[in-house]
């Protein structure tokens, strides 16, 4: 995936949707990097796409969480022709297994230590402020 910041995507004002994609890859990853970069570029153009987090365990479990403002944005991503083609190639070549979970978020909060907070105990989680969709 691309150069993601070393911080999680900020909390958004609910409701919104998340997709949680967990996967184990095959040994043959020819073309995967380019396709993953293209899919990230493509999803960022979907109106209502809010962001994504990605992590990989040392054992190879990949976890990608996508955030979408509404069901329409999620549906547009799910049915995108180029995305569907990449999914098919993923099943044929790149994934040993994967699971996709889709959920509607009803509660969201976050915390960020600012420079001013550096020496003080962290404040409790606060509800997400309203954030406009993209």
C-alpha atoms as a PDB file:
ATOM      1  CA  UNK A   1       0.000   0.000   0.000  1.00  0.00           C
ATOM      2  CA  UNK A   2       1.033   3.619  -0.236  1.00  0.00           C
ATOM      3  CA  UNK A   3       2.805   5.729   2.339  1.00  0.00           C
ATOM      4  CA  UNK A   4       0.173   5.750   5.063  1.00  0.00           C
ATOM      5  CA  UNK A   5       0.778   8.047   8.001  1.00  0.00           C
ATOM      6  CA  UNK A   6       1.886   6.406  11.211  1.00  0.00           C
ATOM      7  CA  UNK A   7      -1.383   7.382  12.893  1.00  0.00           C
ATOM      8  CA  UNK A   8      -4.883   5.954  12.670  1.00  0.00           C
ATOM      9  CA  UNK A   9      -7.604   7.607  10.620  1.00  0.00           C
ATOM     10  CA  UNK A  10      -9.390  10.117  12.844  1.00  0.00           C
ATOM     11  CA  UNK A  11     -12.823   9.388  14.295  1.00  0.00           C
ATOM     12  CA  UNK A  12     -15.793  10.652  12.277  1.00  0.00           C
ATOM     13  CA  UNK A  13     -19.258  11.729  13.298  1.00  0.00           C
ATOM     14  CA  UNK A  14     -21.469   8.604  13.145  1.00  0.00           C
ATOM     15  CA  UNK A  15     -23.163   7.026  11.445  1.00  0.00           C
ATOM     16  CA  UNK A  16     -20.743   5.893   8.773  1.00  0.00           C
ATOM     17  CA  UNK A  17     -19.609   2.548   7.387  1.00  0.00           C
ATOM     18  CA  UNK A  18     -16.428   0.513   7.672  1.00  0.00           C
ATOM     19  CA  UNK A  19     -15.103  -2.400   5.688  1.00  0.00           C
ATOM     20  CA  UNK A  20     -12.623  -4.685   7.420  1.00  0.00           C
ATOM     21  CA  UNK A  21     -10.632  -6.791   4.960  1.00  0.00           C
ATOM     22  CA  UNK A  22      -8.337  -9.398   6.503  1.00  0.00           C
ATOM     23  CA  UNK A  23      -6.135 -11.544   4.282  1.00  0.00           C
ATOM     24  CA  UNK A  24      -3.312 -14.021   3.934  1.00  0.00           C
ATOM     25  CA  UNK A  25      -1.376 -13.765   0.686  1.00  0.00           C
ATOM     26  CA  UNK A  26       0.075 -16.442  -1.556  1.00  0.00           C
ATOM     27  CA  UNK A  27       3.799 -16.611  -2.321  1.00  0.00           C
ATOM     28  CA  UNK A  28       3.271 -15.217  -5.852  1.00  0.00           C
ATOM     29  CA  UNK A  29       2.690 -11.479  -5.517  1.00  0.00           C
ATOM     30  CA  UNK A  30       3.587 -10.518  -9.095  1.00  0.00           C
ATOM     31  CA  UNK A  31       1.646  -7.351  -9.923  1.00  0.00           C
ATOM     32  CA  UNK A  32       0.062  -7.039  -6.470  1.00  0.00           C
ATOM     33  CA  UNK A  33       1.863  -3.851  -5.416  1.00  0.00           C
ATOM     34  CA  UNK A  34       0.905  -1.956  -8.543  1.00  0.00           C
ATOM     35  CA  UNK A  35      -2.701  -3.121  -8.338  1.00  0.00           C
ATOM     36  CA  UNK A  36      -2.976  -2.247  -4.632  1.00  0.00           C
ATOM     37  CA  UNK A  37      -1.626   1.248  -5.340  1.00  0.00           C
ATOM     38  CA  UNK A  38      -4.118   1.685  -8.183  1.00  0.00           C
ATOM     39  CA  UNK A  39      -7.024   0.516  -5.993  1.00  0.00           C
ATOM     40  CA  UNK A  40      -6.022   3.010  -3.304  1.00  0.00           C
ATOM     41  CA  UNK A  41      -5.895   5.781  -5.890  1.00  0.00           C
ATOM     42  CA  UNK A  42      -9.276   4.712  -7.267  1.00  0.00           C
ATOM     43  CA  UNK A  43     -11.073   4.479  -3.895  1.00  0.00           C
ATOM     44  CA  UNK A  44      -9.855   7.965  -2.921  1.00  0.00           C
ATOM     45  CA  UNK A  45     -11.888   9.340  -5.850  1.00  0.00           C
ATOM     46  CA  UNK A  46     -15.152   7.867  -4.508  1.00  0.00           C
ATOM     47  CA  UNK A  47     -17.323  10.659  -3.075  1.00  0.00           C
ATOM     48  CA  UNK A  48     -17.876   9.718   0.569  1.00  0.00           C
ATOM     49  CA  UNK A  49     -14.617   7.793   1.006  1.00  0.00           C
ATOM     50  CA  UNK A  50     -13.204   8.964   4.348  1.00  0.00           C
ATOM     51  CA  UNK A  51      -9.890   7.138   4.655  1.00  0.00           C
ATOM     52  CA  UNK A  52      -8.211   3.823   5.350  1.00  0.00           C
ATOM     53  CA  UNK A  53      -5.972   2.125   7.881  1.00  0.00           C
ATOM     54  CA  UNK A  54      -3.718  -0.810   7.050  1.00  0.00           C
ATOM     55  CA  UNK A  55      -1.542  -3.088   9.158  1.00  0.00           C
ATOM     56  CA  UNK A  56       0.283  -6.360   8.680  1.00  0.00           C
ATOM     57  CA  UNK A  57       1.346  -8.795  11.357  1.00  0.00           C
ATOM     58  CA  UNK A  58       4.802 -10.411  11.304  1.00  0.00           C
ATOM     59  CA  UNK A  59       3.011 -13.683  10.477  1.00  0.00           C
ATOM     60  CA  UNK A  60       1.535 -12.179   7.314  1.00  0.00           C
ATOM     61  CA  UNK A  61      -2.063 -11.378   8.288  1.00  0.00           C
ATOM     62  CA  UNK A  62      -3.010  -8.164   6.477  1.00  0.00           C
ATOM     63  CA  UNK A  63      -5.785  -5.948   7.826  1.00  0.00           C
ATOM     64  CA  UNK A  64      -7.236  -3.038   5.873  1.00  0.00           C
ATOM     65  CA  UNK A  65     -10.080  -0.930   7.237  1.00  0.00           C
ATOM     66  CA  UNK A  66     -11.872   1.424   4.844  1.00  0.00           C
ATOM     67  CA  UNK A  67     -14.155   4.210   6.075  1.00  0.00           C
ATOM     68  CA  UNK A  68     -17.146   5.412   4.038  1.00  0.00           C
ATOM     69  CA  UNK A  69     -19.612   8.217   4.805  1.00  0.00           C
ATOM     70  CA  UNK A  70     -22.685   6.315   3.602  1.00  0.00           C
ATOM     71  CA  UNK A  71     -23.982   3.138   1.974  1.00  0.00           C
ATOM     72  CA  UNK A  72     -23.984   4.781  -1.462  1.00  0.00           C
ATOM     73  CA  UNK A  73     -20.222   5.406  -1.298  1.00  0.00           C
ATOM     74  CA  UNK A  74     -19.630   1.845  -0.169  1.00  0.00           C
ATOM     75  CA  UNK A  75     -21.823   0.487  -2.965  1.00  0.00           C
ATOM     76  CA  UNK A  76     -20.013   2.610  -5.558  1.00  0.00           C
ATOM     77  CA  UNK A  77     -16.703   1.117  -4.413  1.00  0.00           C
ATOM     78  CA  UNK A  78     -18.076  -2.433  -4.252  1.00  0.00           C
ATOM     79  CA  UNK A  79     -19.412  -2.280  -7.824  1.00  0.00           C
ATOM     80  CA  UNK A  80     -16.562  -0.359  -9.481  1.00  0.00           C
ATOM     81  CA  UNK A  81     -15.549  -2.326 -12.600  1.00  0.00           C
ATOM     82  CA  UNK A  82     -11.794  -1.908 -12.109  1.00  0.00           C
ATOM     83  CA  UNK A  83     -12.117  -2.916  -8.446  1.00  0.00           C
ATOM     84  CA  UNK A  84     -14.144  -6.015  -9.425  1.00  0.00           C
ATOM     85  CA  UNK A  85     -11.413  -7.028 -11.903  1.00  0.00           C
ATOM     86  CA  UNK A  86      -8.749  -6.646  -9.181  1.00  0.00           C
ATOM     87  CA  UNK A  87     -10.858  -8.738  -6.785  1.00  0.00           C
ATOM     88  CA  UNK A  88     -11.056 -11.540  -9.332  1.00  0.00           C
ATOM     89  CA  UNK A  89      -7.302 -11.467  -9.886  1.00  0.00           C
ATOM     90  CA  UNK A  90      -6.777 -11.465  -6.110  1.00  0.00           C
ATOM     91  CA  UNK A  91      -8.824 -14.661  -5.729  1.00  0.00           C
ATOM     92  CA  UNK A  92      -6.972 -16.289  -8.628  1.00  0.00           C
ATOM     93  CA  UNK A  93      -3.416 -15.251  -7.731  1.00  0.00           C
ATOM     94  CA  UNK A  94      -2.668 -13.201  -4.627  1.00  0.00           C
ATOM     95  CA  UNK A  95      -4.798 -14.426  -1.715  1.00  0.00           C
ATOM     96  CA  UNK A  96      -4.592 -17.700   0.131  1.00  0.00           C
ATOM     97  CA  UNK A  97      -7.693 -16.595   2.042  1.00  0.00           C
ATOM     98  CA  UNK A  98      -9.549 -13.436   3.010  1.00  0.00           C
ATOM     99  CA  UNK A  99     -12.549 -12.252   4.973  1.00  0.00           C
ATOM    100  CA  UNK A 100     -14.568  -9.080   4.476  1.00  0.00           C
ATOM    101  CA  UNK A 101     -16.712  -7.564   7.220  1.00  0.00           C
ATOM    102  CA  UNK A 102     -18.958  -4.537   6.651  1.00  0.00           C
ATOM    103  CA  UNK A 103     -20.410  -2.602   9.561  1.00  0.00           C
ATOM    104  CA  UNK A 104     -22.303   0.570  10.325  1.00  0.00           C
ATOM    105  CA  UNK A 105     -20.531   2.631  12.982  1.00  0.00           C
ATOM    106  CA  UNK A 106     -22.815   4.018  15.659  1.00  0.00           C
ATOM    107  CA  UNK A 107     -20.190   5.313  18.075  1.00  0.00           C
ATOM    108  CA  UNK A 108     -16.760   6.768  17.389  1.00  0.00           C
ATOM    109  CA  UNK A 109     -14.150   8.539  19.500  1.00  0.00           C
ATOM    110  CA  UNK A 110     -10.454   9.209  19.455  1.00  0.00           C
ATOM    111  CA  UNK A 111      -7.459  10.643  21.228  1.00  0.00           C
ATOM    112  CA  UNK A 112      -4.385  12.489  20.015  1.00  0.00           C
ATOM    113  CA  UNK A 113      -1.546  13.656  22.202  1.00  0.00           C
ATOM    114  CA  UNK A 114      -0.709  17.173  21.075  1.00  0.00           C
ATOM    115  CA  UNK A 115       2.641  18.814  21.732  1.00  0.00           C
ATOM    116  CA  UNK A 116       1.016  20.809  24.553  1.00  0.00           C
ATOM    117  CA  UNK A 117      -0.071  17.550  26.226  1.00  0.00           C
ATOM    118  CA  UNK A 118       3.386  15.955  26.072  1.00  0.00           C
ATOM    119  CA  UNK A 119       4.010  16.024  29.819  1.00  0.00           C
ATOM    120  CA  UNK A 120       0.462  15.590  31.089  1.00  0.00           C
ATOM    121  CA  UNK A 121      -1.691  12.515  31.498  1.00  0.00           C
ATOM    122  CA  UNK A 122      -3.907  11.857  28.491  1.00  0.00           C
ATOM    123  CA  UNK A 123      -7.424  13.231  28.410  1.00  0.00           C
ATOM    124  CA  UNK A 124     -10.256  10.719  28.202  1.00  0.00           C
ATOM    125  CA  UNK A 125     -11.605   9.797  24.805  1.00  0.00           C
ATOM    126  CA  UNK A 126     -13.872  12.461  23.409  1.00  0.00           C
ATOM    127  CA  UNK A 127     -16.721  12.063  20.942  1.00  0.00           C
ATOM    128  CA  UNK A 128     -15.768  12.664  17.346  1.00  0.00           C
ATOM    129  CA  UNK A 129     -16.454  16.180  16.149  1.00  0.00           C
ATOM    130  CA  UNK A 130     -18.590  16.569  13.039  1.00  0.00           C
ATOM    131  CA  UNK A 131     -16.442  16.172   9.957  1.00  0.00           C
ATOM    132  CA  UNK A 132     -17.670  16.848   6.458  1.00  0.00           C
ATOM    133  CA  UNK A 133     -17.650  13.950   4.044  1.00  0.00           C
ATOM    134  CA  UNK A 134     -15.347  14.145   1.066  1.00  0.00           C
END
